[in-house]
Amino acid sequence: MKRSKVEIVAEILQICSGNGVNITKIVYKANLNSKVAQDYVNCLLREGFIESVLDGKRTKYRTTGKGREFIKKFREIEEDLEALKSAENPIF
């Protein structure tokens, strides 16, 4: 099944959690081509969900507090949707 854009955003934010990762790691872990990954990264940077940090000569991307809050809310919504799917009379 195809992932939604919101699912891809959440996955990239999760990948960038911690000490940060380079664009290559995002490409491989999120299973995106480099152009698409760079487009998502640029948008997430612009909106303040991730930040770029220099590590020697390499740029790494790290999830910000705003990005961590997004992940938390996204996971809560996912759990609520799962509950609806498993309800006695599921609508999904």
Foldseek 3Di string as FASTA:
>chain_A
DDDDPLVLLLQLQVQQEDPFDALVSSCVSSVHDSVVSVVSVVVCCVVVQWHWDDDPPTITIHGDPVVVVSNVVVVVVVVVLVCLCPDPDHPD
